[in-house]
Protein backbone atom coordinates (compact mmCIF):
# COMPACT_ATOMS: atom_id res chain seq x y z
CA ALA A 1 -15.55 -26.45 -1.94
CA ARG A 2 -15.52 -22.85 -0.76
CA GLY A 3 -13.10 -23.70 2.05
CA HIS A 4 -10.82 -25.44 -0.44
CA LEU A 5 -10.91 -22.40 -2.70
CA CYS A 6 -10.00 -20.06 0.17
CA MET A 7 -7.07 -22.29 1.10
CA ARG A 8 -5.86 -22.16 -2.50
CA GLY A 9 -5.83 -18.38 -2.26
CA VAL A 10 -4.15 -18.13 1.14
CA GLN A 11 -1.56 -20.82 0.44
CA PRO A 12 0.39 -19.08 -2.33
CA ILE A 13 0.52 -15.80 -0.46
CA MET A 14 1.46 -17.22 2.93
CA SER A 15 3.77 -20.05 1.83
CA VAL A 16 6.90 -18.00 2.39
CA VAL A 17 8.19 -20.59 4.86
CA SER A 18 7.68 -23.41 2.40
CA ALA A 19 10.49 -25.09 0.52
CA GLU A 20 8.20 -25.93 -2.36
CA SER A 21 10.67 -24.82 -5.00
CA SER A 22 14.39 -24.17 -5.14
CA ASN A 23 15.95 -20.73 -5.30
CA ALA A 24 16.75 -21.30 -8.96
CA ASP A 25 13.12 -22.14 -9.66
CA ASP A 26 12.03 -18.97 -7.83
CA GLU A 27 14.37 -16.80 -9.87
CA SER A 28 13.17 -18.42 -13.11
CA LEU A 29 9.55 -17.74 -12.18
CA LEU A 30 10.11 -14.14 -11.10
CA GLU A 31 12.42 -13.13 -13.93
CA GLY A 32 9.98 -14.26 -16.61
CA THR A 33 12.23 -17.05 -17.91
CA SER A 34 9.84 -19.80 -16.90
CA SER A 35 7.96 -21.31 -19.82
CA ALA A 36 4.70 -21.78 -17.90
CA ALA A 37 1.89 -19.39 -18.71
CA GLY A 38 0.00 -18.39 -15.57
CA ALA A 39 -3.04 -16.14 -15.46
CA PRO A 40 -3.66 -13.67 -18.31
CA LEU A 41 -3.39 -9.92 -17.81
CA TRP A 42 -7.17 -9.37 -17.91
CA ALA A 43 -7.59 -11.55 -14.81
CA PHE A 44 -5.29 -9.29 -12.80
CA VAL A 45 -6.97 -6.16 -14.17
CA LEU A 46 -10.40 -7.41 -13.09
CA GLY A 47 -8.98 -8.45 -9.74
CA GLY A 48 -7.45 -5.01 -9.24
CA LEU A 49 -10.72 -3.26 -10.14
CA LEU A 50 -12.99 -5.42 -7.97
CA PRO A 51 -12.36 -3.46 -4.72
CA VAL A 52 -13.87 -0.32 -6.32
CA PRO A 53 -17.46 -1.64 -6.60
CA VAL A 54 -17.05 -3.54 -3.32
CA VAL A 55 -16.32 -0.30 -1.45
CA TYR A 56 -18.97 1.62 -3.37
CA VAL A 57 -21.71 -0.85 -2.44
CA THR A 58 -20.71 -1.48 1.18
CA PHE A 59 -19.36 1.93 2.18
CA VAL A 60 -21.15 4.48 0.01
CA ARG A 61 -24.52 2.83 -0.56
CA LEU A 62 -24.93 0.70 2.56
CA GLN A 63 -22.93 3.14 4.71
CA SER A 64 -21.24 0.38 6.68
CA ALA A 65 -17.60 0.79 7.69
CA TRP A 66 -17.43 -2.74 9.08
CA GLY A 67 -19.15 -4.13 6.00
CA ALA A 68 -16.62 -2.41 3.74
CA ALA A 69 -13.65 -3.61 5.78
CA LEU A 70 -14.77 -7.24 5.92
CA ALA A 71 -15.89 -7.35 2.28
CA LEU A 72 -12.56 -5.93 1.14
CA GLU A 73 -10.58 -8.38 3.23
CA ALA A 74 -12.63 -11.23 1.79
CA ALA A 75 -11.86 -9.95 -1.71
CA PHE A 76 -8.14 -9.76 -0.90
CA VAL A 77 -8.25 -13.51 -0.17
CA LEU A 78 -10.86 -14.77 -2.64
CA VAL A 79 -9.50 -13.02 -5.75
CA PRO A 80 -6.08 -14.71 -5.44
CA ALA A 81 -7.88 -17.92 -4.51
CA ALA A 82 -9.91 -17.94 -7.70
CA ILE A 83 -7.05 -16.94 -9.99
CA CYS A 84 -4.62 -19.42 -8.47
CA ALA A 85 -7.22 -22.18 -8.64
CA VAL A 86 -7.72 -21.64 -12.39
CA TRP A 87 -4.04 -20.92 -13.22
CA PRO A 88 -1.81 -22.90 -10.81
CA GLU A 89 1.37 -21.44 -12.30
CA THR A 90 0.37 -18.07 -10.83
CA GLN A 91 0.33 -19.72 -7.41
CA LYS A 92 3.98 -20.71 -7.87
CA ARG A 93 4.97 -17.20 -8.96
CA VAL A 94 3.20 -15.53 -6.05
CA ALA A 95 4.69 -17.98 -3.55
CA ALA A 96 8.16 -17.33 -4.98
CA ALA A 97 7.63 -13.57 -4.77
CA ALA A 98 6.43 -13.83 -1.18
CA ARG A 99 9.43 -15.95 -0.15
CA GLN A 100 11.79 -13.45 -1.72
CA ALA A 101 10.01 -10.49 -0.11
CA MET A 102 10.39 -12.15 3.29
CA GLY A 103 14.17 -12.12 2.95
CA GLY A 104 14.72 -15.25 0.89
CA SER A 105 17.79 -15.50 -1.30
CA GLY A 106 17.80 -14.08 -4.79
CA GLY A 107 16.36 -10.67 -3.89
CA GLN A 108 17.58 -7.34 -2.56
CA GLN A 109 15.46 -7.46 0.58
CA LEU A 110 16.84 -7.35 4.11
CA SER A 111 16.90 -10.30 6.45
CA LEU A 112 13.71 -11.01 8.37
CA ARG A 113 15.20 -9.63 11.60
CA ALA A 114 16.28 -6.41 9.88
CA GLN A 115 12.83 -6.12 8.32
CA LEU A 116 11.20 -6.34 11.74
CA LEU A 117 13.39 -3.49 13.01
CA ALA A 118 12.62 -1.47 9.89
CA ALA A 119 8.88 -2.14 10.34
CA VAL A 120 8.92 -0.72 13.87
CA ALA A 121 10.95 2.31 12.79
CA LEU A 122 8.86 3.05 9.68
CA GLY A 123 5.53 2.54 11.42
CA GLY A 124 6.52 4.65 14.41
CA ALA A 125 7.94 7.44 12.26
CA THR A 126 4.78 7.52 10.13
CA LEU A 127 2.50 7.81 13.15
CA VAL A 128 4.62 10.48 14.86
CA GLY A 129 4.85 12.42 11.60
CA ALA A 130 1.07 12.31 11.21
CA ALA A 131 0.54 13.60 14.74
CA LEU A 132 2.95 16.48 14.13
CA ALA A 133 1.26 17.28 10.80
CA ILE A 134 -2.15 17.43 12.50
CA LEU A 135 -0.81 19.78 15.17
CA LEU A 136 0.80 22.02 12.56
CA PHE A 137 -2.40 22.19 10.49
CA GLU A 138 -4.43 22.98 13.60
CA HIS A 139 -2.01 25.78 14.47
CA PHE A 140 -1.42 27.43 11.08
CA PHE A 141 -4.72 26.64 9.32
CA ALA A 142 -7.11 26.70 12.25
CA SER A 143 -10.19 27.80 10.32
CA GLU A 144 -9.74 25.35 7.43
CA TRP A 145 -8.89 22.53 9.82
CA SER A 146 -11.94 23.23 11.97
CA HIS A 147 -14.18 23.11 8.89
CA ALA A 148 -12.62 19.83 7.72
CA THR A 149 -12.91 18.16 11.12
CA ARG A 150 -16.58 19.17 11.40
CA GLN A 151 -17.26 17.50 8.07
CA VAL A 152 -15.34 14.37 9.11
CA ARG A 153 -17.18 14.25 12.44
CA ARG A 154 -20.55 14.65 10.73
CA GLU A 155 -19.83 11.84 8.26
CA ALA A 156 -18.34 9.64 10.98
CA LEU A 157 -21.66 9.71 12.84
CA ILE A 158 -23.37 8.20 9.80
CA TYR A 159 -21.00 5.24 10.01
CA GLY A 160 -21.47 4.74 13.74
CA PHE A 161 -18.33 6.52 14.94
CA SER A 162 -19.56 8.78 17.73
CA ARG A 163 -18.13 10.29 20.90
CA SER A 164 -20.35 8.05 22.98
CA ASP A 165 -19.05 4.81 21.44
CA GLU A 166 -15.40 4.75 22.45
CA GLU A 167 -15.23 0.95 22.56
CA GLY A 168 -16.70 0.54 19.07
CA VAL A 169 -14.31 3.06 17.53
CA ALA A 170 -11.36 1.48 19.35
CA LEU A 171 -12.30 -2.01 18.16
CA PHE A 172 -12.61 -0.87 14.54
CA GLY A 173 -9.31 1.01 14.78
CA ALA A 174 -7.50 -2.01 16.20
CA TRP A 175 -8.92 -4.31 13.51
CA PHE A 176 -8.17 -1.79 10.77
CA CYS A 177 -4.54 -1.39 11.85
CA ALA A 178 -3.85 -5.07 12.54
CA VAL A 179 -5.55 -6.90 9.64
CA ASN A 180 -5.82 -4.44 6.77
CA PRO A 181 -2.09 -3.63 6.25
CA LEU A 182 -1.02 -7.27 5.97
CA LEU A 183 -3.76 -8.27 3.54
CA GLU A 184 -3.29 -5.14 1.42
CA GLU A 185 0.47 -5.61 1.10
CA LEU A 186 0.05 -9.25 0.19
CA PHE A 187 -2.65 -8.46 -2.36
CA TRP A 188 -1.34 -5.28 -4.03
CA ARG A 189 2.43 -5.51 -3.65
CA ILE A 190 2.89 -9.28 -3.96
CA PHE A 191 -0.03 -10.86 -5.80
CA LEU A 192 -1.11 -8.10 -8.17
CA ALA A 193 2.31 -6.54 -8.74
CA HIS A 194 3.92 -9.84 -9.71
CA GLY A 195 0.94 -10.72 -11.86
CA PHE A 196 1.35 -7.45 -13.73
CA ASP A 197 5.10 -7.62 -14.12
CA HIS A 198 4.88 -11.07 -15.69
CA ARG A 199 1.98 -10.33 -18.02
CA ALA A 200 2.13 -6.65 -18.92
CA ALA A 201 5.38 -7.04 -20.86
CA SER A 202 3.56 -9.02 -23.56
CA HIS A 203 1.55 -5.89 -24.36
CA PHE A 204 4.64 -3.72 -24.83
CA LEU A 205 6.95 -6.20 -26.58
CA PRO A 206 6.64 -8.22 -29.80
CA ALA A 207 4.64 -11.44 -29.55
CA ASN A 208 7.79 -13.50 -30.26
CA ALA A 209 9.92 -11.70 -27.64
CA ALA A 210 12.44 -13.96 -25.95
CA PRO A 211 12.11 -14.64 -22.22
CA ARG A 212 15.27 -12.64 -21.58
CA ALA A 213 13.78 -9.64 -23.38
CA ILE A 214 10.72 -9.87 -21.14
CA GLN A 215 13.02 -10.07 -18.11
CA LYS A 216 14.99 -7.01 -19.26
CA TRP A 217 11.78 -4.99 -19.71
CA THR A 218 10.15 -5.96 -16.40
CA ARG A 219 13.39 -5.46 -14.45
CA GLY A 220 14.40 -2.25 -16.27
CA THR A 221 13.67 1.25 -14.98
CA ARG A 222 10.95 1.99 -17.52
CA GLY A 223 9.11 -1.28 -17.06
CA THR A 224 9.42 -1.21 -13.28
CA ALA A 225 8.11 2.36 -13.06
CA ALA A 226 5.18 1.63 -15.38
CA LEU A 227 4.17 -1.50 -13.49
CA TRP A 228 4.49 0.08 -10.05
CA VAL A 229 2.44 3.13 -11.07
CA ALA A 230 -0.22 0.91 -12.67
CA THR A 231 -0.54 -1.25 -9.57
CA SER A 232 -0.59 1.81 -7.32
CA ALA A 233 -3.31 3.44 -9.44
CA PHE A 234 -5.50 0.38 -8.82
CA TYR A 235 -4.59 0.58 -5.13
CA ALA A 236 -5.58 4.27 -4.94
CA SER A 237 -8.76 3.89 -6.99
CA TYR A 238 -10.82 2.05 -4.40
CA HIS A 239 -9.84 4.56 -1.70
CA ALA A 240 -11.53 7.31 -3.73
CA ASN A 241 -14.97 6.14 -2.59
CA VAL A 242 -13.88 6.72 1.01
CA VAL A 243 -11.92 9.97 0.83
CA PHE A 244 -14.55 11.73 -1.28
CA VAL A 245 -17.08 10.98 1.46
CA PHE A 246 -14.99 12.42 4.30
CA LEU A 247 -12.99 15.21 2.68
CA PRO A 248 -13.78 18.30 0.60
CA LEU A 249 -13.27 17.86 -3.15
CA PRO A 250 -9.80 19.46 -3.47
CA ALA A 251 -8.43 17.62 -0.45
CA ALA A 252 -9.96 14.33 -1.61
CA ALA A 253 -8.45 14.66 -5.10
CA ALA A 254 -5.05 15.44 -3.58
CA ALA A 255 -5.41 12.45 -1.25
CA VAL A 256 -6.10 10.05 -4.15
CA ALA A 257 -3.07 11.38 -6.06
CA GLY A 258 -1.00 11.03 -2.92
CA LEU A 259 -2.16 7.44 -2.51
CA VAL A 260 -0.74 6.60 -5.94
CA GLY A 261 2.62 7.94 -4.81
CA TYR A 262 2.33 6.15 -1.48
CA GLY A 263 1.58 2.88 -3.28
CA VAL A 264 4.78 3.30 -5.31
CA LEU A 265 6.69 3.96 -2.07
CA LEU A 266 5.29 0.80 -0.49
CA GLN A 267 6.24 -1.18 -3.60
CA LEU A 268 9.76 0.22 -3.30
CA LEU A 269 9.86 -0.84 0.34
CA VAL A 270 8.79 -4.39 -0.59
CA SER A 271 11.48 -4.47 -3.26
CA ARG A 272 14.37 -3.01 -1.25
CA VAL A 273 13.47 -3.58 2.42
CA GLY A 274 10.99 -6.45 2.34
CA LEU A 275 7.36 -7.35 2.93
CA VAL A 276 7.55 -7.00 6.72
CA GLY A 277 9.03 -3.51 6.44
CA ALA A 278 6.26 -2.43 4.06
CA VAL A 279 3.59 -3.88 6.36
CA GLY A 280 5.10 -1.92 9.25
CA ALA A 281 4.96 1.31 7.27
CA HIS A 282 1.37 0.52 6.26
CA VAL A 283 0.42 -0.12 9.89
CA GLY A 284 1.77 3.32 10.74
CA ALA A 285 -0.20 4.92 7.91
CA ASP A 286 -3.45 3.20 8.91
CA ALA A 287 -2.84 4.17 12.53
CA ALA A 288 -2.39 7.76 11.32
CA VAL A 289 -5.79 7.55 9.59
CA ILE A 290 -7.39 6.36 12.84
CA LEU A 291 -5.52 9.11 14.71
CA GLY A 292 -6.99 11.73 12.38
CA LEU A 293 -10.47 10.22 12.64
CA THR A 294 -10.46 9.99 16.42
CA ASP A 295 -8.99 13.48 16.79
CA ALA A 296 -11.81 14.82 14.62
CA ILE A 297 -14.31 13.06 16.91
CA TRP A 298 -12.79 13.88 20.33
CA GLU A 299 -10.35 16.72 19.55
CA TYR A 300 -7.79 15.45 22.03
CA LEU A 301 -4.57 16.51 20.24
CA ARG A 302 -5.31 20.22 20.52
CA ARG A 303 -5.95 20.12 24.27
């Protein structure tokens, strides 16, 4: 039964190569003109909040980086699995959104080939930019940077990231950069975002609003901005447990605020470039995090 439930969760997210529904059906589902209900808003809210206690228990209380990573990745699969099992119409909407984000017709996204090129460019630019930023901080704010890296190095030891365990740190970094970006983009920018944009309109419009009115709100500037910021706030919230462990209070607060903005940027990339492009950018960002962590441990960039 558990295996069947997991497959129900993975199927709607990964069925971008499926011809399950026509392009017209996809557009009807995504524009809010389909008559089927799907999951209620509270289900998506609970799903978006679940990573917060997961990270708190595994990362803060149990102090396990691997435990936090694996528990989060399980949640990114099992939450959609459960919701799609109870409300099958949500499965159709998420599958339609994923097909469109992979360059299917009916959206503004680039072709799959163009998305791959964009992914390499965005990921590479993000990583290079992070390396340059670290070097600039080390040069112009040497004292503050030294204090911050000492704190990061001290906390990293608690989680098993030490100078003597190069293979363990490398394995975690490779897993973190390869698995986490894909699952996060599928969960936050496809599953949760399209759950919100279909359901949140009912809380801002009259109960008897016509489907076209719902479409106009969710596709309009105001509705799009509200939904993207809401989804990105959920995305940033679970990171707070991590950044407040490793960074001083002002830097951690700034990092959480920045993550909201970064979530909006990734949602924009999914909307205008495509899912693969957003995953590429996310890979670069996660690689930048590992770069900062490993530089704090070994201090190799300043040599």
